[in-house]
Amino acid sequence: MPNDLCDSFCPSENLNHLRNKVLEVAGLSEIFKVLGDETRTKILYLLAHQELCVCDLASILDMSLPAISHHLRLLKALRLVKYHRDGKMVYYSLDDAHILNLIREAQAHFAEGR
């Protein structure tokens, strides 16, 4: 039977330091879950290029208005998109460029494997 235990352990202060480092990434998985859906990634990518309304997004992605609204609701909850009203119309855009940087990094990584 293989021995799953280490022959030696890291000093406890090093382990405590690493435990604290783990806290730095707490909550990030939620952003990656959102990006794990291709439709939401497409929405974010489109909004990085220009401000769009739900109707425009639905037309571009060939989806229903309720489906787009559902995705936008999730993206707003994570503060990835923002919106403003112009009369009856609501226009969406990226909340900031950080999410576009993540998408571009993923694109570069994906392209390397080809």
N, C-alpha and C. Protein backbone atom coordinates (compact mmCIF):
# COMPACT_ATOMS: atom_id res chain seq x y z
N MET A 1 0.85 -1.17 0.00
CA MET A 1 0.00 0.00 0.00
C MET A 1 0.90 1.24 0.00
N PRO A 2 0.63 2.20 -0.93
CA PRO A 2 1.49 3.39 -1.00
C PRO A 2 1.31 4.27 0.24
N ASN A 3 2.39 4.92 0.60
CA ASN A 3 2.36 5.83 1.74
C ASN A 3 2.01 7.23 1.23
N ASP A 4 0.86 7.76 1.66
CA ASP A 4 0.40 9.07 1.19
C ASP A 4 0.92 10.22 2.04
N LEU A 5 1.72 9.92 3.04
CA LEU A 5 2.21 10.97 3.91
C LEU A 5 3.57 11.47 3.44
N CYS A 6 3.83 12.72 3.69
CA CYS A 6 5.13 13.31 3.36
C CYS A 6 6.19 12.75 4.29
N ASP A 7 7.40 12.68 3.77
CA ASP A 7 8.53 12.29 4.62
C ASP A 7 8.93 13.43 5.55
N SER A 8 8.70 14.64 5.09
CA SER A 8 9.01 15.81 5.92
C SER A 8 7.92 16.85 5.70
N PHE A 9 7.71 17.66 6.68
CA PHE A 9 6.68 18.69 6.61
C PHE A 9 7.32 20.06 6.54
N CYS A 10 6.61 20.99 5.89
CA CYS A 10 7.07 22.38 5.86
C CYS A 10 6.96 22.97 7.24
N PRO A 11 7.78 23.92 7.56
CA PRO A 11 7.66 24.58 8.87
C PRO A 11 6.28 25.22 9.00
N SER A 12 5.74 25.20 10.20
CA SER A 12 4.37 25.69 10.41
C SER A 12 4.21 27.15 10.01
N GLU A 13 5.25 27.99 10.15
CA GLU A 13 5.10 29.39 9.75
C GLU A 13 4.94 29.50 8.24
N ASN A 14 5.58 28.62 7.50
CA ASN A 14 5.42 28.61 6.05
C ASN A 14 4.00 28.18 5.68
N LEU A 15 3.48 27.17 6.36
CA LEU A 15 2.11 26.72 6.11
C LEU A 15 1.11 27.81 6.45
N ASN A 16 1.33 28.52 7.54
CA ASN A 16 0.44 29.62 7.90
C ASN A 16 0.47 30.72 6.85
N HIS A 17 1.65 31.00 6.35
CA HIS A 17 1.80 32.00 5.28
C HIS A 17 0.99 31.56 4.04
N LEU A 18 1.10 30.30 3.69
CA LEU A 18 0.37 29.79 2.52
C LEU A 18 -1.14 29.77 2.76
N ARG A 19 -1.56 29.49 3.99
CA ARG A 19 -3.00 29.56 4.32
C ARG A 19 -3.53 30.97 4.08
N ASN A 20 -2.74 31.95 4.47
CA ASN A 20 -3.14 33.34 4.25
C ASN A 20 -3.16 33.69 2.77
N LYS A 21 -2.23 33.12 2.00
CA LYS A 21 -2.20 33.37 0.55
C LYS A 21 -3.47 32.84 -0.12
N VAL A 22 -3.99 31.72 0.35
CA VAL A 22 -5.20 31.14 -0.22
C VAL A 22 -6.37 32.10 -0.10
N LEU A 23 -6.40 32.87 0.97
CA LEU A 23 -7.49 33.83 1.17
C LEU A 23 -7.51 34.90 0.08
N GLU A 24 -6.38 35.14 -0.55
CA GLU A 24 -6.30 36.16 -1.60
C GLU A 24 -7.13 35.80 -2.83
N VAL A 25 -7.40 34.53 -3.03
CA VAL A 25 -8.17 34.11 -4.21
C VAL A 25 -9.59 33.67 -3.86
N ALA A 26 -9.97 33.87 -2.61
CA ALA A 26 -11.33 33.49 -2.19
C ALA A 26 -12.34 34.28 -3.01
N GLY A 27 -13.32 33.60 -3.55
CA GLY A 27 -14.38 34.24 -4.31
C GLY A 27 -14.11 34.34 -5.81
N LEU A 28 -12.87 34.14 -6.22
CA LEU A 28 -12.56 34.24 -7.65
C LEU A 28 -13.24 33.16 -8.47
N SER A 29 -13.52 32.04 -7.86
CA SER A 29 -14.14 30.95 -8.62
C SER A 29 -15.51 31.37 -9.17
N GLU A 30 -16.18 32.29 -8.50
CA GLU A 30 -17.48 32.77 -9.00
C GLU A 30 -17.32 33.45 -10.36
N ILE A 31 -16.27 34.23 -10.51
CA ILE A 31 -16.03 34.89 -11.80
C ILE A 31 -15.72 33.85 -12.86
N PHE A 32 -14.92 32.85 -12.52
CA PHE A 32 -14.60 31.82 -13.50
C PHE A 32 -15.80 30.96 -13.84
N LYS A 33 -16.71 30.75 -12.88
CA LYS A 33 -17.95 30.04 -13.18
C LYS A 33 -18.77 30.81 -14.20
N VAL A 34 -18.86 32.11 -14.00
CA VAL A 34 -19.61 32.95 -14.94
C VAL A 34 -18.97 32.90 -16.32
N LEU A 35 -17.65 32.99 -16.36
CA LEU A 35 -16.94 32.93 -17.64
C LEU A 35 -16.97 31.54 -18.25
N GLY A 36 -17.28 30.53 -17.44
CA GLY A 36 -17.36 29.16 -17.93
C GLY A 36 -18.54 28.93 -18.86
N ASP A 37 -19.47 29.86 -18.88
CA ASP A 37 -20.60 29.78 -19.79
C ASP A 37 -20.25 30.58 -21.05
N GLU A 38 -20.25 29.93 -22.18
CA GLU A 38 -19.81 30.59 -23.42
C GLU A 38 -20.69 31.78 -23.79
N THR A 39 -21.98 31.68 -23.54
CA THR A 39 -22.87 32.80 -23.86
C THR A 39 -22.49 34.04 -23.05
N ARG A 40 -22.25 33.86 -21.77
CA ARG A 40 -21.87 35.01 -20.94
C ARG A 40 -20.53 35.58 -21.36
N THR A 41 -19.60 34.73 -21.74
CA THR A 41 -18.31 35.21 -22.23
C THR A 41 -18.51 36.01 -23.52
N LYS A 42 -19.36 35.54 -24.40
CA LYS A 42 -19.65 36.27 -25.63
C LYS A 42 -20.29 37.62 -25.33
N ILE A 43 -21.21 37.65 -24.39
CA ILE A 43 -21.85 38.91 -24.01
C ILE A 43 -20.80 39.90 -23.50
N LEU A 44 -19.94 39.44 -22.62
CA LEU A 44 -18.90 40.31 -22.08
C LEU A 44 -17.97 40.81 -23.19
N TYR A 45 -17.63 39.93 -24.09
CA TYR A 45 -16.74 40.30 -25.19
C TYR A 45 -17.39 41.35 -26.08
N LEU A 46 -18.67 41.17 -26.39
CA LEU A 46 -19.39 42.15 -27.20
C LEU A 46 -19.47 43.49 -26.49
N LEU A 47 -19.76 43.45 -25.20
CA LEU A 47 -19.89 44.70 -24.44
C LEU A 47 -18.54 45.40 -24.27
N ALA A 48 -17.46 44.67 -24.43
CA ALA A 48 -16.14 45.29 -24.39
C ALA A 48 -15.91 46.15 -25.64
N HIS A 49 -16.63 45.81 -26.72
CA HIS A 49 -16.47 46.54 -27.97
C HIS A 49 -17.41 47.73 -28.07
N GLN A 50 -18.61 47.56 -27.51
CA GLN A 50 -19.55 48.68 -27.55
C GLN A 50 -20.73 48.42 -26.62
N GLU A 51 -21.32 49.49 -26.20
CA GLU A 51 -22.50 49.45 -25.36
C GLU A 51 -23.67 48.91 -26.19
N LEU A 52 -24.45 47.99 -25.62
CA LEU A 52 -25.55 47.37 -26.36
C LEU A 52 -26.77 47.22 -25.46
N CYS A 53 -27.94 47.17 -26.09
CA CYS A 53 -29.17 46.89 -25.35
C CYS A 53 -29.47 45.38 -25.44
N VAL A 54 -30.43 44.94 -24.67
CA VAL A 54 -30.79 43.52 -24.65
C VAL A 54 -31.22 43.05 -26.04
N CYS A 55 -31.97 43.90 -26.74
CA CYS A 55 -32.44 43.53 -28.09
C CYS A 55 -31.27 43.29 -29.05
N ASP A 56 -30.27 44.17 -28.98
CA ASP A 56 -29.09 44.00 -29.84
C ASP A 56 -28.36 42.71 -29.52
N LEU A 57 -28.15 42.46 -28.22
CA LEU A 57 -27.46 41.23 -27.81
C LEU A 57 -28.24 39.99 -28.26
N ALA A 58 -29.55 40.02 -28.10
CA ALA A 58 -30.39 38.88 -28.50
C ALA A 58 -30.28 38.65 -30.00
N SER A 59 -30.27 39.72 -30.77
CA SER A 59 -30.17 39.60 -32.22
C SER A 59 -28.81 39.06 -32.64
N ILE A 60 -27.75 39.61 -32.09
CA ILE A 60 -26.39 39.18 -32.45
C ILE A 60 -26.17 37.71 -32.10
N LEU A 61 -26.64 37.30 -30.91
CA LEU A 61 -26.40 35.94 -30.43
C LEU A 61 -27.51 34.97 -30.81
N ASP A 62 -28.52 35.47 -31.51
CA ASP A 62 -29.66 34.65 -31.94
C ASP A 62 -30.28 33.91 -30.75
N MET A 63 -30.63 34.71 -29.74
CA MET A 63 -31.22 34.17 -28.51
C MET A 63 -32.46 34.97 -28.16
N SER A 64 -33.23 34.44 -27.23
CA SER A 64 -34.43 35.15 -26.79
C SER A 64 -34.07 36.28 -25.82
N LEU A 65 -34.96 37.26 -25.74
CA LEU A 65 -34.75 38.37 -24.80
C LEU A 65 -34.68 37.89 -23.35
N PRO A 66 -35.58 36.98 -22.92
CA PRO A 66 -35.48 36.50 -21.54
C PRO A 66 -34.16 35.78 -21.25
N ALA A 67 -33.64 35.04 -22.21
CA ALA A 67 -32.37 34.33 -21.99
C ALA A 67 -31.22 35.33 -21.82
N ILE A 68 -31.19 36.36 -22.65
CA ILE A 68 -30.15 37.39 -22.53
C ILE A 68 -30.30 38.12 -21.20
N SER A 69 -31.53 38.45 -20.83
CA SER A 69 -31.78 39.15 -19.57
C SER A 69 -31.29 38.32 -18.38
N HIS A 70 -31.52 37.03 -18.44
CA HIS A 70 -31.06 36.13 -17.37
C HIS A 70 -29.54 36.21 -17.22
N HIS A 71 -28.83 36.13 -18.35
CA HIS A 71 -27.37 36.20 -18.31
C HIS A 71 -26.90 37.56 -17.79
N LEU A 72 -27.54 38.62 -18.24
CA LEU A 72 -27.15 39.96 -17.80
C LEU A 72 -27.38 40.14 -16.30
N ARG A 73 -28.43 39.54 -15.79
CA ARG A 73 -28.72 39.63 -14.35
C ARG A 73 -27.56 39.01 -13.54
N LEU A 74 -27.07 37.87 -14.00
CA LEU A 74 -25.93 37.23 -13.33
C LEU A 74 -24.67 38.09 -13.44
N LEU A 75 -24.45 38.66 -14.60
CA LEU A 75 -23.27 39.49 -14.81
C LEU A 75 -23.33 40.77 -13.98
N LYS A 76 -24.53 41.33 -13.84
CA LYS A 76 -24.69 42.52 -12.98
C LYS A 76 -24.45 42.18 -11.52
N ALA A 77 -24.91 41.01 -11.10
CA ALA A 77 -24.75 40.60 -9.70
C ALA A 77 -23.28 40.51 -9.31
N LEU A 78 -22.43 40.15 -10.25
CA LEU A 78 -20.99 40.07 -9.99
C LEU A 78 -20.26 41.36 -10.35
N ARG A 79 -21.01 42.39 -10.69
CA ARG A 79 -20.47 43.70 -11.05
C ARG A 79 -19.52 43.62 -12.25
N LEU A 80 -19.86 42.76 -13.19
CA LEU A 80 -19.06 42.67 -14.41
C LEU A 80 -19.60 43.57 -15.50
N VAL A 81 -20.91 43.86 -15.44
CA VAL A 81 -21.51 44.80 -16.38
C VAL A 81 -22.26 45.88 -15.59
N LYS A 82 -22.41 47.01 -16.25
CA LYS A 82 -23.21 48.10 -15.69
C LYS A 82 -24.21 48.51 -16.76
N TYR A 83 -25.16 49.32 -16.37
CA TYR A 83 -26.17 49.75 -17.32
C TYR A 83 -26.58 51.19 -17.03
N HIS A 84 -27.19 51.77 -18.06
CA HIS A 84 -27.80 53.09 -17.88
C HIS A 84 -29.05 53.15 -18.74
N ARG A 85 -29.97 53.94 -18.30
CA ARG A 85 -31.24 54.10 -19.02
C ARG A 85 -31.20 55.34 -19.89
N ASP A 86 -31.82 55.21 -21.05
CA ASP A 86 -32.03 56.35 -21.94
C ASP A 86 -33.49 56.25 -22.37
N GLY A 87 -34.35 56.91 -21.61
CA GLY A 87 -35.79 56.76 -21.83
C GLY A 87 -36.21 55.36 -21.42
N LYS A 88 -36.84 54.64 -22.35
CA LYS A 88 -37.27 53.27 -22.06
C LYS A 88 -36.16 52.25 -22.31
N MET A 89 -35.13 52.68 -23.00
CA MET A 89 -34.05 51.75 -23.37
C MET A 89 -33.03 51.64 -22.24
N VAL A 90 -32.50 50.43 -22.08
CA VAL A 90 -31.44 50.17 -21.11
C VAL A 90 -30.23 49.67 -21.90
N TYR A 91 -29.10 50.31 -21.68
CA TYR A 91 -27.88 49.96 -22.39
C TYR A 91 -26.86 49.40 -21.40
N TYR A 92 -26.19 48.34 -21.83
CA TYR A 92 -25.22 47.64 -20.99
C TYR A 92 -23.81 47.85 -21.53
N SER A 93 -22.86 47.86 -20.61
CA SER A 93 -21.44 47.95 -20.96
C SER A 93 -20.65 47.23 -19.88
N LEU A 94 -19.36 47.02 -20.14
CA LEU A 94 -18.51 46.42 -19.13
C LEU A 94 -18.38 47.37 -17.95
N ASP A 95 -18.33 46.82 -16.76
CA ASP A 95 -18.15 47.65 -15.58
C ASP A 95 -16.72 48.20 -15.53
N ASP A 96 -15.75 47.40 -15.95
CA ASP A 96 -14.37 47.87 -16.10
C ASP A 96 -13.64 46.91 -17.02
N ALA A 97 -12.42 47.25 -17.37
CA ALA A 97 -11.67 46.48 -18.37
C ALA A 97 -11.02 45.22 -17.82
N HIS A 98 -11.07 45.01 -16.51
CA HIS A 98 -10.40 43.83 -15.95
C HIS A 98 -10.90 42.53 -16.55
N ILE A 99 -12.20 42.43 -16.74
CA ILE A 99 -12.76 41.18 -17.27
C ILE A 99 -12.31 40.95 -18.71
N LEU A 100 -12.17 42.02 -19.47
CA LEU A 100 -11.67 41.89 -20.85
C LEU A 100 -10.24 41.38 -20.83
N ASN A 101 -9.44 41.83 -19.87
CA ASN A 101 -8.07 41.32 -19.74
C ASN A 101 -8.06 39.81 -19.49
N LEU A 102 -8.98 39.33 -18.64
CA LEU A 102 -9.08 37.89 -18.40
C LEU A 102 -9.43 37.14 -19.69
N ILE A 103 -10.37 37.68 -20.44
CA ILE A 103 -10.78 37.04 -21.70
C ILE A 103 -9.61 37.03 -22.68
N ARG A 104 -8.91 38.13 -22.77
CA ARG A 104 -7.76 38.19 -23.70
C ARG A 104 -6.65 37.23 -23.29
N GLU A 105 -6.40 37.10 -21.99
CA GLU A 105 -5.40 36.14 -21.52
C GLU A 105 -5.82 34.72 -21.88
N ALA A 106 -7.11 34.42 -21.70
CA ALA A 106 -7.60 33.09 -22.05
C ALA A 106 -7.49 32.85 -23.55
N GLN A 107 -7.76 33.88 -24.36
CA GLN A 107 -7.62 33.75 -25.81
C GLN A 107 -6.17 33.45 -26.18
N ALA A 108 -5.24 34.16 -25.56
CA ALA A 108 -3.82 33.95 -25.85
C ALA A 108 -3.40 32.54 -25.47
N HIS A 109 -3.85 32.09 -24.32
CA HIS A 109 -3.52 30.74 -23.87
C HIS A 109 -4.09 29.70 -24.84
N PHE A 110 -5.34 29.90 -25.25
CA PHE A 110 -6.00 28.98 -26.17
C PHE A 110 -5.26 28.94 -27.51
N ALA A 111 -4.84 30.11 -27.98
CA ALA A 111 -4.13 30.19 -29.27
C ALA A 111 -2.78 29.49 -29.22
N GLU A 112 -2.13 29.48 -28.06
CA GLU A 112 -0.83 28.82 -27.92
C GLU A 112 -0.92 27.33 -28.14
N GLY A 113 -2.05 26.75 -27.80
CA GLY A 113 -2.21 25.31 -27.91
C GLY A 113 -2.52 24.82 -29.30
N ARG A 114 -2.69 25.74 -30.21
CA ARG A 114 -3.05 25.34 -31.58
C ARG A 114 -1.86 25.13 -32.45
